[in-house]
Every structure is written in C-alpha cells, then in structure tokens.
Protein backbone atom coordinates (compact mmCIF):
# COMPACT_ATOMS: atom_id res chain seq x y z
CA MET A 1 1.36 13.97 16.18
CA ALA A 2 0.30 10.55 14.59
CA THR A 3 -3.30 9.79 13.04
CA CYS A 4 -5.18 7.22 10.90
CA VAL A 5 -7.58 8.15 8.98
CA CYS A 6 -10.29 6.46 7.30
CA VAL A 7 -10.37 5.45 3.73
CA VAL A 8 -13.71 6.19 3.07
CA LEU A 9 -14.81 9.72 2.94
CA ARG A 10 -17.95 11.01 2.30
CA VAL A 11 -17.99 14.23 0.00
CA GLY A 12 -21.66 14.98 -0.10
CA ALA A 13 -24.38 15.62 2.53
CA ALA A 14 -24.15 13.54 5.99
CA ALA A 15 -26.84 10.87 6.94
CA LEU A 16 -27.84 13.14 10.23
CA LYS A 17 -29.86 15.99 9.87
CA PRO A 18 -28.67 19.31 10.64
CA VAL A 19 -29.04 21.13 14.03
CA ALA A 20 -28.83 24.25 13.01
CA THR A 21 -28.86 25.74 9.91
CA HIS A 22 -25.14 28.24 8.85
CA CYS A 23 -27.04 30.11 5.90
CA SER A 24 -27.55 33.56 5.99
CA ARG A 25 -31.35 32.84 4.03
CA GLN A 26 -33.08 30.08 4.98
CA ARG A 27 -34.95 29.93 1.95
CA LEU A 28 -32.01 28.76 -0.13
CA ARG A 29 -32.18 25.90 1.30
CA VAL A 30 -35.08 24.29 -0.26
CA CYS A 31 -33.76 23.79 -3.50
CA ILE A 32 -31.37 21.40 -3.88
CA PRO A 33 -29.61 21.07 -7.21
CA HIS A 34 -28.32 17.64 -9.01
CA ARG A 35 -26.65 19.33 -12.02
CA PHE A 36 -24.94 22.49 -12.51
CA THR A 37 -24.54 25.08 -15.36
CA HIS A 38 -21.13 23.61 -16.42
CA GLY A 39 -22.20 20.10 -16.71
CA VAL A 40 -20.74 19.25 -13.18
CA ARG A 41 -22.73 18.41 -10.14
CA SER A 42 -20.93 19.85 -6.89
CA SER A 43 -21.39 18.00 -3.67
CA LEU A 44 -19.97 20.37 -1.23
CA TYR A 45 -22.19 23.29 -2.73
CA GLU A 46 -25.23 20.31 -2.06
CA HIS A 47 -23.49 19.93 1.90
CA ALA A 48 -23.61 23.75 2.08
CA VAL A 49 -27.15 24.42 1.17
CA GLU A 50 -28.35 21.61 2.94
CA GLY A 51 -26.82 23.17 6.11
CA TYR A 52 -24.34 20.66 7.09
CA SER A 53 -22.07 23.54 6.48
CA ASP A 54 -21.22 27.33 5.58
CA ARG A 55 -20.99 28.40 2.21
CA PRO A 56 -17.37 28.21 0.95
CA GLU A 57 -16.36 32.29 0.86
CA LEU A 58 -14.34 32.28 -2.61
CA ASP A 59 -12.25 35.50 -3.04
CA MET A 60 -14.36 36.86 -5.68
CA ARG A 61 -13.22 40.35 -5.52
CA THR A 62 -9.47 39.57 -6.92
CA VAL A 63 -11.21 37.60 -9.69
CA CYS A 64 -13.54 40.85 -10.64
CA GLU A 65 -10.87 43.30 -9.98
CA GLN A 66 -8.10 41.29 -11.65
CA THR A 67 -9.97 39.63 -14.30
CA ASP A 68 -7.50 39.36 -17.30
CA LYS A 69 -5.08 38.03 -14.62
CA VAL A 70 -7.05 35.53 -13.78
CA ILE A 71 -8.04 34.44 -16.96
CA ALA A 72 -4.07 34.30 -17.74
CA ASN A 73 -4.03 31.52 -15.01
CA VAL A 74 -6.89 29.59 -15.86
CA GLU A 75 -5.33 29.37 -19.63
CA ASN A 76 -1.99 28.31 -18.53
CA ARG A 77 -3.46 25.28 -16.03
CA LYS A 78 -4.80 22.12 -17.23
CA GLY A 79 -8.89 22.01 -17.37
CA ASP A 80 -12.01 22.61 -18.62
CA LEU A 81 -12.53 26.18 -17.58
CA ARG A 82 -11.29 28.92 -20.24
CA GLY A 83 -11.42 32.38 -20.70
CA ASP A 84 -15.15 33.06 -21.16
CA ASP A 85 -15.80 30.73 -18.26
CA VAL A 86 -13.80 33.19 -16.15
CA ARG A 87 -15.96 36.26 -18.08
CA THR A 88 -19.30 34.10 -17.23
CA ILE A 89 -18.51 33.74 -13.24
CA VAL A 90 -17.74 37.41 -12.92
CA SER A 91 -20.73 38.63 -14.95
CA VAL A 92 -22.96 35.86 -13.01
CA TRP A 93 -21.50 36.98 -9.82
CA GLN A 94 -22.38 40.55 -10.46
CA GLU A 95 -25.60 39.80 -11.54
CA LEU A 96 -25.58 37.97 -8.07
CA GLN A 97 -24.91 40.61 -6.29
CA ALA A 98 -27.02 43.58 -7.77
CA VAL A 99 -30.36 40.79 -6.52
CA ARG A 100 -29.18 40.62 -3.34
CA SER A 101 -28.98 44.49 -3.48
CA GLU A 102 -32.04 44.73 -4.08
CA ILE A 103 -33.21 42.01 -1.88
CA SER A 104 -31.72 44.42 0.95
CA GLU A 105 -33.69 47.29 -0.10
CA LEU A 106 -36.58 45.68 -0.71
CA GLU A 107 -36.61 43.65 2.97
CA LYS A 108 -35.65 47.24 4.76
CA GLN A 109 -38.56 48.95 3.24
CA LYS A 110 -40.74 46.07 4.26
CA THR A 111 -39.94 46.26 7.59
CA HIS A 112 -40.52 50.11 7.70
CA ILE A 113 -44.12 49.27 6.05
CA SER A 114 -44.69 46.60 8.94
CA HIS A 115 -44.08 49.28 11.64
CA THR A 116 -46.34 51.77 9.45
CA VAL A 117 -49.17 49.37 9.24
CA LYS A 118 -48.84 48.14 12.77
CA ALA A 119 -48.55 51.31 14.14
CA LEU A 120 -51.83 52.93 12.23
CA SER A 121 -53.65 49.71 13.14
CA LEU A 122 -52.97 51.04 16.97
CA LEU A 123 -54.19 54.18 16.49
CA PHE A 124 -57.43 52.69 14.60
CA VAL A 125 -57.09 54.65 12.04
CA VAL A 126 -57.10 52.10 9.07
CA GLN A 127 -59.64 53.89 7.18
CA LEU A 128 -57.14 56.65 6.18
CA PRO A 129 -55.64 56.30 2.64
CA GLU A 130 -52.51 55.84 4.03
CA TYR A 131 -53.39 52.75 5.71
CA SER A 132 -54.21 50.93 2.21
CA GLN A 133 -51.50 52.37 0.37
CA ALA A 134 -49.32 50.77 3.06
CA LEU A 135 -50.83 47.38 2.37
CA GLN A 136 -50.62 47.85 -0.93
CA LYS A 137 -46.95 48.39 -1.24
CA GLY A 138 -45.76 45.81 1.26
CA ARG A 139 -47.81 43.31 -1.56
CA GLU A 140 -46.07 44.64 -3.87
CA ILE A 141 -42.68 44.29 -2.27
CA ARG A 142 -43.45 40.65 -1.24
CA SER A 143 -44.29 39.78 -4.85
CA ARG A 144 -41.38 41.49 -6.15
CA LEU A 145 -39.38 39.52 -2.79
CA ASN A 146 -40.45 36.14 -3.92
CA GLU A 147 -39.28 36.66 -7.47
CA LEU A 148 -35.95 37.79 -6.29
CA TYR A 149 -35.65 34.90 -3.96
CA THR A 150 -35.90 32.44 -6.81
CA LYS A 151 -33.86 34.17 -8.97
CA GLU A 152 -31.01 34.72 -6.11
CA THR A 153 -31.13 30.99 -5.69
CA GLU A 154 -30.89 30.29 -9.48
CA LEU A 155 -28.04 32.51 -9.69
CA ASP A 156 -26.46 31.02 -6.37
CA ARG A 157 -26.34 27.69 -7.92
CA LYS A 158 -25.15 29.12 -10.87
CA HIS A 159 -22.07 30.84 -9.47
CA TYR A 160 -21.23 28.12 -7.29
CA GLY A 161 -21.45 25.70 -10.33
CA ARG A 162 -18.18 27.46 -11.98
CA ALA A 163 -16.44 29.38 -9.33
CA LEU A 164 -15.87 26.39 -7.13
CA ARG A 165 -13.82 24.84 -10.41
CA LEU A 166 -11.21 27.86 -10.77
CA PRO A 167 -7.68 27.10 -9.75
CA ASN A 168 -5.84 28.52 -7.34
CA SER A 169 -3.56 31.54 -7.81
CA THR A 170 0.42 30.58 -9.33
CA HIS A 171 3.46 31.84 -7.50
CA PRO A 172 4.98 33.79 -9.75
CA ASP A 173 8.30 31.62 -9.77
CA VAL A 174 6.60 28.87 -11.37
CA PRO A 175 7.50 27.77 -14.37
CA VAL A 176 4.43 28.14 -17.72
CA GLY A 177 4.08 25.31 -19.46
CA ASP A 178 3.85 21.20 -19.23
CA GLU A 179 6.07 18.64 -17.56
CA SER A 180 9.19 19.39 -20.13
CA LEU A 181 9.72 22.92 -18.36
CA ALA A 182 9.83 21.74 -14.57
CA LYS A 183 13.16 23.29 -12.87
CA VAL A 184 15.35 21.25 -11.23
CA VAL A 185 16.31 23.11 -7.94
CA GLU A 186 18.46 20.70 -6.37
CA LEU A 187 20.07 17.19 -7.03
CA VAL A 188 21.27 15.51 -4.11
CA GLY A 189 23.25 12.44 -3.45
CA GLU A 190 25.07 10.07 -6.44
CA LYS A 191 23.69 7.72 -8.85
CA PRO A 192 24.60 4.65 -8.29
CA GLU A 193 27.25 2.43 -9.98
CA PHE A 194 26.87 -0.78 -11.30
CA ASP A 195 29.61 -3.38 -12.41
CA PHE A 196 26.39 -5.45 -13.20
CA THR A 197 23.35 -4.67 -14.57
CA PRO A 198 20.97 -3.45 -12.12
CA LYS A 199 17.28 -5.11 -12.24
CA GLY A 200 14.01 -3.83 -11.91
CA HIS A 201 11.96 -3.93 -8.37
CA VAL A 202 9.67 -6.59 -9.82
CA GLU A 203 12.35 -9.14 -10.74
CA LEU A 204 14.33 -8.41 -7.58
CA GLY A 205 11.21 -8.54 -5.50
CA GLU A 206 10.37 -12.05 -7.04
CA GLU A 207 13.46 -13.41 -6.41
CA LEU A 208 13.47 -12.47 -3.01
CA GLY A 209 10.09 -13.40 -2.16
CA LEU A 210 8.89 -9.69 -1.36
CA ILE A 211 6.74 -9.30 -4.53
CA ARG A 212 3.59 -11.13 -5.84
CA GLN A 213 2.12 -9.40 -8.80
CA ARG A 214 1.69 -12.26 -11.11
CA HIS A 215 -1.68 -14.43 -11.43
CA LEU A 216 -3.83 -12.09 -9.28
CA SER A 217 -6.77 -11.31 -11.82
CA HIS A 218 -9.26 -13.42 -9.56
CA ILE A 219 -7.99 -12.07 -6.65
CA SER A 220 -8.44 -8.10 -7.34
CA GLY A 221 -7.08 -7.65 -11.08
CA HIS A 222 -4.97 -5.35 -12.51
CA ARG A 223 -2.35 -3.53 -10.81
CA SER A 224 -2.72 -5.19 -7.59
CA TYR A 225 0.03 -7.15 -5.24
CA TYR A 226 1.33 -8.53 -2.36
CA LEU A 227 3.68 -7.54 -0.30
CA ARG A 228 5.56 -10.47 1.61
CA GLY A 229 8.02 -11.48 4.38
CA ALA A 230 10.60 -9.21 4.16
CA GLY A 231 8.41 -6.73 1.69
CA ALA A 232 5.29 -6.49 4.46
CA ARG A 233 8.05 -5.74 6.84
CA LEU A 234 9.90 -3.59 4.65
CA GLN A 235 6.78 -1.19 4.31
CA ILE A 236 5.87 -1.31 8.18
CA ALA A 237 9.29 -0.11 8.56
CA LEU A 238 9.15 2.70 6.19
CA GLN A 239 5.95 3.98 7.69
CA ASN A 240 7.10 3.97 11.18
CA PHE A 241 10.62 5.21 10.10
CA ALA A 242 8.70 8.57 8.64
CA LEU A 243 6.21 8.70 11.49
CA ASP A 244 9.10 8.43 13.75
CA THR A 245 11.49 11.23 12.21
CA LEU A 246 8.34 13.90 11.74
CA ASN A 247 7.47 13.15 15.29
CA LYS A 248 10.76 13.48 16.57
CA LEU A 249 11.40 16.80 14.71
CA GLY A 250 7.85 18.10 16.07
CA ALA A 251 6.18 17.92 13.21
CA VAL A 252 -13.39 16.51 1.87
CA PHE A 253 -12.58 16.13 -1.81
CA GLU A 254 -14.08 18.78 -3.59
CA GLY A 255 -13.11 21.08 -0.58
CA CYS A 256 -9.50 20.02 -1.11
CA GLY A 257 -10.06 21.12 -4.70
CA MET A 258 -10.09 17.39 -5.89
CA GLN A 259 -12.97 16.82 -8.01
CA PRO A 260 -14.62 13.52 -7.71
CA ASN A 261 -16.28 13.49 -10.90
CA ALA A 262 -13.66 15.26 -12.47
CA HIS A 263 -11.28 12.73 -13.14
CA ARG A 264 -12.88 9.16 -12.89
CA SER A 265 -9.92 6.96 -13.80
CA GLN A 266 -8.27 7.87 -10.80
CA VAL A 267 -11.34 7.77 -7.82
CA TYR A 268 -13.09 4.60 -6.68
CA SER A 269 -16.96 5.26 -6.05
CA LEU A 270 -18.98 2.88 -4.14
CA ASP A 271 -21.83 1.97 -5.44
CA PRO A 272 -23.93 4.71 -5.60
CA ALA A 273 -27.70 2.79 -5.30
CA ARG A 274 -26.22 2.12 -1.54
CA PHE A 275 -23.87 4.59 -0.55
CA PRO A 276 -24.68 7.98 -3.03
CA ASP A 277 -21.73 10.21 -2.87
CA LEU A 278 -18.95 7.96 -1.16
CA ASN A 279 -15.82 7.42 -2.67
CA LEU A 280 -12.34 5.84 -1.36
CA ALA A 281 -10.11 8.64 -0.52
CA GLY A 282 -6.68 8.44 -2.97
CA THR A 283 -4.70 10.90 -0.67
CA GLY A 284 -4.20 11.20 3.35
CA GLU A 285 -4.70 15.72 2.97
CA VAL A 286 -8.56 14.79 2.49
CA GLY A 287 -9.22 13.39 5.53
CA ILE A 288 -6.68 16.05 7.67
CA ALA A 289 -8.68 18.66 6.04
CA GLY A 290 -11.88 17.30 6.89
CA TYR A 291 -10.64 17.35 10.49
CA PHE A 292 -10.08 20.98 10.58
CA MET A 293 -13.24 21.81 8.79
CA ASP A 294 -15.41 24.28 10.21
CA HIS A 295 -13.01 24.86 13.20
CA ALA A 296 -11.01 27.54 13.78
CA VAL A 297 -7.27 27.46 15.39
CA ASN A 298 -6.24 29.92 17.90
CA TRP A 299 -3.00 32.02 16.35
CA LYS A 300 -0.91 30.95 19.01
CA ASP A 301 -0.91 27.38 17.96
CA LEU A 302 0.21 28.43 14.50
CA PRO A 303 1.33 26.83 12.51
CA VAL A 304 -0.08 23.20 13.26
CA ARG A 305 1.80 20.49 11.67
CA THR A 306 -0.08 16.99 11.28
CA VAL A 307 1.20 13.86 10.17
CA CYS A 308 -1.14 10.82 9.46
CA SER A 309 -1.10 7.19 8.00
CA SER A 310 -3.27 6.33 5.79
CA THR A 311 -4.57 3.69 2.83
CA CYS A 312 -4.92 5.33 -0.36
CA TYR A 313 -7.14 4.10 -3.12
CA ARG A 314 -6.70 5.44 -6.71
CA ALA A 315 -8.35 3.72 -10.43
CA GLU A 316 -5.60 4.46 -12.70
CA THR A 317 -7.56 3.03 -15.51
CA ASP A 318 -6.43 6.22 -17.57
CA THR A 319 -3.05 5.26 -18.61
CA GLY A 320 -1.50 2.52 -20.28
CA ARG A 321 1.93 3.81 -18.50
CA GLU A 322 3.90 1.29 -15.87
CA ALA A 323 1.27 -1.43 -16.65
CA TRP A 324 3.46 -3.60 -14.22
CA GLY A 325 5.11 -3.30 -11.09
CA LEU A 326 4.45 -1.13 -7.85
CA TYR A 327 4.83 2.31 -9.68
CA ARG A 328 0.63 2.91 -10.38
CA VAL A 329 -0.87 0.48 -8.03
CA HIS A 330 -4.78 0.34 -6.99
CA HIS A 331 -4.00 0.69 -3.46
CA PHE A 332 -0.89 1.80 -1.22
CA ASN A 333 -0.29 3.18 2.26
CA LYS A 334 1.13 6.38 2.87
CA VAL A 335 2.43 8.82 5.15
CA GLU A 336 1.38 12.60 4.95
CA MET A 337 2.25 16.07 6.08
CA PHE A 338 -0.39 18.62 6.76
CA GLY A 339 -0.05 22.01 8.18
CA VAL A 340 -2.25 24.92 9.08
CA THR A 341 -0.42 28.55 9.04
CA ALA A 342 -1.68 31.86 9.59
CA ASP A 343 -2.11 34.86 6.70
CA GLU A 344 -0.73 37.86 8.51
CA THR A 345 2.60 38.47 6.00
CA GLY A 346 1.51 36.16 3.39
CA GLU A 347 4.93 34.02 3.94
CA GLU A 348 3.97 31.75 6.16
CA SER A 349 3.08 28.66 4.06
CA SER A 350 5.47 29.49 1.73
CA ARG A 351 7.77 29.11 4.77
CA LEU A 352 6.20 25.68 5.98
CA LEU A 353 6.09 24.48 2.48
CA GLU A 354 10.10 24.82 2.32
CA GLU A 355 10.00 23.32 5.72
CA PHE A 356 8.02 20.22 4.55
CA VAL A 357 10.22 20.00 1.52
CA SER A 358 13.29 19.77 3.64
CA LEU A 359 11.77 16.87 5.78
CA GLN A 360 11.32 14.93 2.91
CA LYS A 361 14.99 15.80 1.64
CA GLU A 362 15.86 14.78 5.69
CA MET A 363 14.06 11.23 4.69
CA PHE A 364 15.08 10.19 1.40
CA SER A 365 18.80 11.44 2.27
CA ALA A 366 18.54 9.24 5.40
CA LEU A 367 17.65 6.09 2.64
CA GLU A 368 20.56 6.96 0.72
CA LEU A 369 18.39 7.90 -2.57
CA HIS A 370 19.88 9.77 -5.00
CA TYR A 371 17.26 12.29 -5.94
CA ARG A 372 16.07 15.47 -7.56
CA VAL A 373 13.53 18.17 -6.47
CA LEU A 374 11.49 19.95 -9.02
CA ASP A 375 9.74 22.99 -9.32
CA MET A 376 6.76 21.93 -11.49
CA PRO A 377 5.12 24.20 -13.86
CA THR A 378 1.57 25.35 -14.31
CA GLN A 379 0.22 22.40 -16.26
CA GLU A 380 1.26 20.44 -13.44
CA LEU A 381 -0.40 21.97 -11.06
CA GLY A 382 -3.42 20.89 -9.62
CA PRO A 383 -6.38 23.25 -9.01
CA PRO A 384 -5.66 23.72 -5.32
CA ALA A 385 -1.59 23.96 -5.41
CA HIS A 386 -0.30 27.56 -5.88
CA ARG A 387 3.18 26.22 -5.93
CA LYS A 388 4.26 22.57 -6.17
CA TYR A 389 7.56 20.75 -5.45
CA ASP A 390 8.04 17.05 -6.82
CA ILE A 391 10.85 14.93 -5.34
CA GLU A 392 11.81 11.98 -8.36
CA ALA A 393 14.22 9.55 -6.91
CA TRP A 394 16.99 7.82 -9.38
CA MET A 395 15.48 4.48 -10.57
CA PRO A 396 18.13 2.09 -11.73
CA GLY A 397 15.56 -0.72 -13.12
CA ARG A 398 14.06 1.97 -15.19
CA ASN A 399 16.84 4.17 -15.98
CA SER A 400 15.21 7.00 -15.01
CA TYR A 401 13.78 9.13 -12.27
CA GLY A 402 10.38 8.62 -10.61
CA GLU A 403 8.39 10.75 -8.91
CA ILE A 404 8.24 9.57 -5.27
CA SER A 405 6.86 12.54 -3.14
CA SER A 406 5.33 16.23 -3.47
CA ALA A 407 4.58 19.35 -1.70
CA SER A 408 2.16 21.89 -2.48
CA ASN A 409 1.21 25.47 -0.99
CA CYS A 410 -2.49 25.74 -1.32
CA THR A 411 -2.63 29.20 0.48
CA ASP A 412 -6.38 29.90 0.87
CA TYR A 413 -7.91 27.51 -1.34
CA GLN A 414 -8.55 24.76 0.59
CA SER A 415 -9.69 27.10 3.95
CA ARG A 416 -12.26 29.46 1.94
CA ARG A 417 -14.28 26.17 0.92
CA LEU A 418 -13.81 24.45 3.89
CA ASN A 419 -13.82 26.89 6.29
CA ILE A 420 -10.82 26.79 7.61
CA LEU A 421 -9.83 29.85 9.73
CA TYR A 422 -7.66 30.83 12.95
CA GLU A 423 -8.67 33.12 15.59
CA ARG A 424 -6.50 36.30 16.80
CA ASP A 425 -6.10 37.64 20.22
CA ASP A 426 -9.15 39.96 19.41
CA GLY A 427 -11.57 37.50 18.45
CA SER A 428 -11.44 38.01 14.66
CA LEU A 429 -11.42 35.57 12.35
CA GLN A 430 -9.20 34.97 9.29
CA TYR A 431 -8.77 32.20 6.74
CA ALA A 432 -6.09 30.04 7.11
CA HIS A 433 -3.39 28.84 4.72
CA THR A 434 -2.76 25.06 4.32
CA VAL A 435 -0.02 22.99 3.12
CA ASN A 436 0.56 19.34 2.55
CA ALA A 437 3.39 17.14 1.51
CA THR A 438 4.27 13.33 0.99
CA ALA A 439 6.43 12.10 3.80
CA CYS A 440 6.53 8.52 2.23
CA ALA A 441 4.66 6.54 -0.31
CA ILE A 442 5.39 3.58 0.08
CA PRO A 443 5.54 1.40 -2.87
CA ARG A 444 7.47 4.18 -4.95
CA THR A 445 9.75 4.34 -1.92
CA ILE A 446 10.33 0.63 -1.97
CA ILE A 447 11.06 0.67 -5.63
CA ALA A 448 13.76 3.25 -5.63
CA LEU A 449 15.39 0.71 -2.05
CA LEU A 450 15.54 -1.80 -3.92
CA GLU A 451 16.82 -1.19 -7.13
CA THR A 452 19.03 1.36 -5.81
CA HIS A 453 20.57 -0.95 -2.56
CA GLN A 454 20.57 -4.03 -5.10
CA THR A 455 24.11 -6.17 -5.06
CA LYS A 456 25.71 -8.17 -7.81
CA GLU A 457 24.69 -11.30 -5.64
CA GLY A 458 21.00 -10.73 -5.96
CA THR A 459 20.42 -9.42 -2.63
CA VAL A 460 19.49 -5.88 -1.16
CA ARG A 461 21.24 -3.94 1.30
CA VAL A 462 19.15 -2.25 4.29
CA PRO A 463 20.11 1.41 4.32
CA ARG A 464 21.16 2.24 8.41
CA VAL A 465 18.47 4.04 9.21
CA LEU A 466 16.22 1.44 8.33
CA GLN A 467 17.87 -1.48 9.65
CA PRO A 468 16.54 -1.30 13.51
CA TYR A 469 12.87 -1.00 12.03
CA LEU A 470 13.59 -4.05 9.75
CA GLY A 471 16.03 -5.80 11.90
CA LEU A 472 18.11 -6.47 8.75
CA ASP A 473 21.17 -5.19 7.24
CA VAL A 474 20.59 -7.44 4.03
CA ILE A 475 17.75 -8.88 2.84
CA GLY A 476 18.33 -12.14 0.98
CA LYS A 477 17.03 -14.90 -0.90
CA PRO A 478 14.16 -17.05 1.34
CA LYS A 479 15.05 -20.06 2.59
CA TYR A 480 11.36 -21.83 1.51
CA THR A 481 10.52 -22.94 -1.72
CA PRO A 482 8.60 -20.20 -3.68
CA LEU A 483 4.63 -21.32 -4.41
CA LYS A 484 4.35 -22.90 -7.61
CA TYR A 485 1.44 -21.61 -10.44
CA ILE A 486 -0.68 -24.46 -11.16
CA GLY A 487 -3.44 -22.77 -12.40
CA PRO A 488 -4.89 -22.44 -16.17
CA ASN A 489 -2.97 -20.41 -19.05
CA GLN A 490 0.21 -21.98 -19.23
CA GLN A 491 1.87 -24.14 -21.84
CA THR A 492 2.38 -27.52 -19.51
CA ARG A 493 -0.33 -28.05 -17.08
CA PRO A 494 -0.03 -30.69 -14.00
CA PRO A 495 -2.63 -32.88 -14.48
CA ARG A 496 -4.57 -32.93 -11.26
CA PRO A 497 -5.07 -35.34 -8.26
CA ALA A 498 -7.44 -38.50 -9.32
CA PRO A 499 -10.52 -39.33 -7.10
CA ARG A 500 -9.57 -41.09 -3.69
CA ALA A 501 -10.53 -44.54 -3.66
CA ARG A 502 -12.75 -45.25 -0.58
C-alpha cells in the first residue's frame, strides 16, 4: 500500500489533553522534567509521563544479566555512552526496583491497616490501644510512602534519561570497527566503460537543462537545487517506478532511535518559541512508525509491509563533503519501506531484512546500475539498528561508489519505545520487530542514472523500465535558450534598463 506521510512530526507532547492515563501510578505524572542527568532532554519520556503513551518498556533484564556484553556493544558503537554509563544505568535500575518493591509492600500494609481501622470503628472500640496503634502505623506508612514516591519519580527520570540512549544489540556477524571495515557482500552488474571522459551529474544536468544549483542563495541557500523539465519528470518517474514495483510484489524521532537534540547538524527544528518540539522529518520511517505506535497488529497479518513516499529534510551542516551537487542536499523525495514482524523464532525480522534488500537489488538492477551491497560495521550502525546493509552505486563522474540506499533490522528496539505489539490467538501481546529500508532516494539515484547512462553526444540514455514513466528513451539537450544570469558577483554585468520616457 502506498501512503503519503506528513513531513512535520511532533516528537514531544501533543497539543491535546490526554483523555486517559496509561501510567501505572498517577503520581509519576506530576513532575515533568526538562533536563536529564545525562544532559539531554527526552521528549519521548515527557510524552509518556504526561499520559499520551505508555512508558517505553526497555529490556532491562538483559542489560542487568549481561552487563559486560552490553558494555562491549556500547564501546563498539559510535555515541557518547560508555561503559561507566551502562554501569550507572544498571545501578539506578536496581535502586529503582528496590524502591518500587518497598512501595508495593508498604501499600499492602497500608491497605491492611485501613481495613483494620475501619473494622474497629464499626465495632465501636476506638478506645482500644490497637486502634491508636493502627492509626499511628498508618501515618508512619503514609509519610514513608510520600518520601518513596518522590524518590521513585526522580529515579525513574534518571533511569530513562540514560537508558533510552542505549543502542540496540548487534548481530554477531556484523564487522567491528569503522566504515573502512564494511564487508562487501555482493557486487552486481558491470562498471560502465566510456571512450570519453565521463561528466559529473551537475555538468550533465546543467547542459541538459535538468538541474539548477547556481545562484540560489537568495532562495534557500547552500545545498539547494531545482529540478526542471525532464529532471522533474525523472524524479516523478523514479518515485512511481518504485511504488509500482513494490505494490506489484505485495509489498516518532526518539522512539525510532533518532535523537533530535543529539545531532543538530542533521535536524531542522521549527521556531521553538512558536512550535516547541516540532521538527522536520529526515525520513519517512518516522511517520510510518508513528502510525503503528501504541497499536497491536493481529499476528495473522504479519509481516506487515508498508511503503510510503515523502519529502525528507536534513540540515547537512556538519560536513564540508559533497558541497556541490545532489549528493548531500537539504530536502529530497524518498520512497521508504517499513515492515513489522513477529518475534516467535527471532528470525522473522532477519528474513524480512533479506526480502527488503532483494527488492532494492531488483529495482537497481532494473535501472541498469552497477552497485555493491555492504554489511556495515558497528560504528556505522545507528542506535536502533541490529544489522544494516548499505547499497552503493558506481558513480562515474565521482569515480567512486556512493550510497543510494540502506536497510536496517531494528528488532524490538523501536517497538519497545513506541509500544508496537502484535496479538497472538490467545489474546496475549508480544513486542514486534521492525525493519526499514530505502526503496529509492531520488537525488542520489538521479546522480547514478545520469552518470552511468551518459553518452558521448552529451545525452543520457533512459533505462527501459523508466521509459513508460518518462515518455522518453533519451534525454537530450533542451531546445529553449537557457536563462541568463544578470545578478551581482560577475565580471561583466549588463547595464540595467534605462527609465522609460513617459
């Protein structure tokens, strides 16, 4: 099914008041934190505390029982959490559990004493010492409970402030290390050979009237672009080709493991004075995951395969790489796959990941691209990913491979944070696994297409599968005269028009 997802997504509390609370204890809602002990505000936690969603149910049993393994996993990943943070998470969790255990025991005693006092009152024996002793004991328990409630709230906030930042576990076959250790799983197709020096996509795009990226500072600044003519049609053609292919085959920031405050260079935030906790989504995955949040899928419908088309926004301000062209831009269209699977054998999400990668390969092969599939190492895995494959296409103009797609198995990482479950036949609920994959990131796919299928005459051959969508078999030079720049910052500037005589 094809879905269009809104690009503005709320990562904090909603504007409406909750109609019902999902918190196990009403008292935990009175304190809404603004900063956590680890220095990062969690909108996901605030959202749960205010009663809009259930609290994330993290797998703390594994963290406590396999602490050394969790520490090794954290140390192998990128991120600001280290081994000492994991030990602190375990310590705080154990303290929190001890406090909750004492609260539970005292609440039982409080209920028993309340029944005792009520029974003695009905017997009109309030003068007995037992009655006074019960009242005193009740006061002591209430006083202690008030202390513990405050402590529980603080420990709960402290726990989630760190624990929500733990990365997912890592598949045992994933290489340990940085990007240079990525393992090539498969090479598909042949590198194109040219009897001329191949051009880059920007030069091709300008000559063919497809791309304009110059003189846009007055519009939207650096890393912006226009697609026009056949370029604009190529974008729509790729989008529809991906959607048709996937449909034919049947195919919230923090909750997804994306920290809006962690990488400000990648996230566009709206004016916080007017729109607190509103950000522009960098991927359609966020919107689709939000669709499943706080819902259970019937296990007979699993796996659920969803495809969406959306506009994505990324700031891209922390790197000087790829400063020109379409490789790193502020906004782009993307077709995204998202899957929800069962977790009965532990292999369901692995199989769906392989299925999604097969679909990616089918589309890129149909586009007649040369590409490689990489099993990405630990330092290239985002916090939600248990395993991730990247697909890099050969881009002759860059004389290198460039990433055009990725696919990740997130196991139960997102579902535990977003409360995505499935319901068995007996009515019991189980946390689902989620898998996501890029079907087509339009600008980078355009780069690979233009540079791979360029001809000596300066035209671009259109792959057969795209011809029905584009209505062309060759993209040639436009017949119109290109716009002439007459603005500032040029050596010879034409004179401005003289005033008209009236």
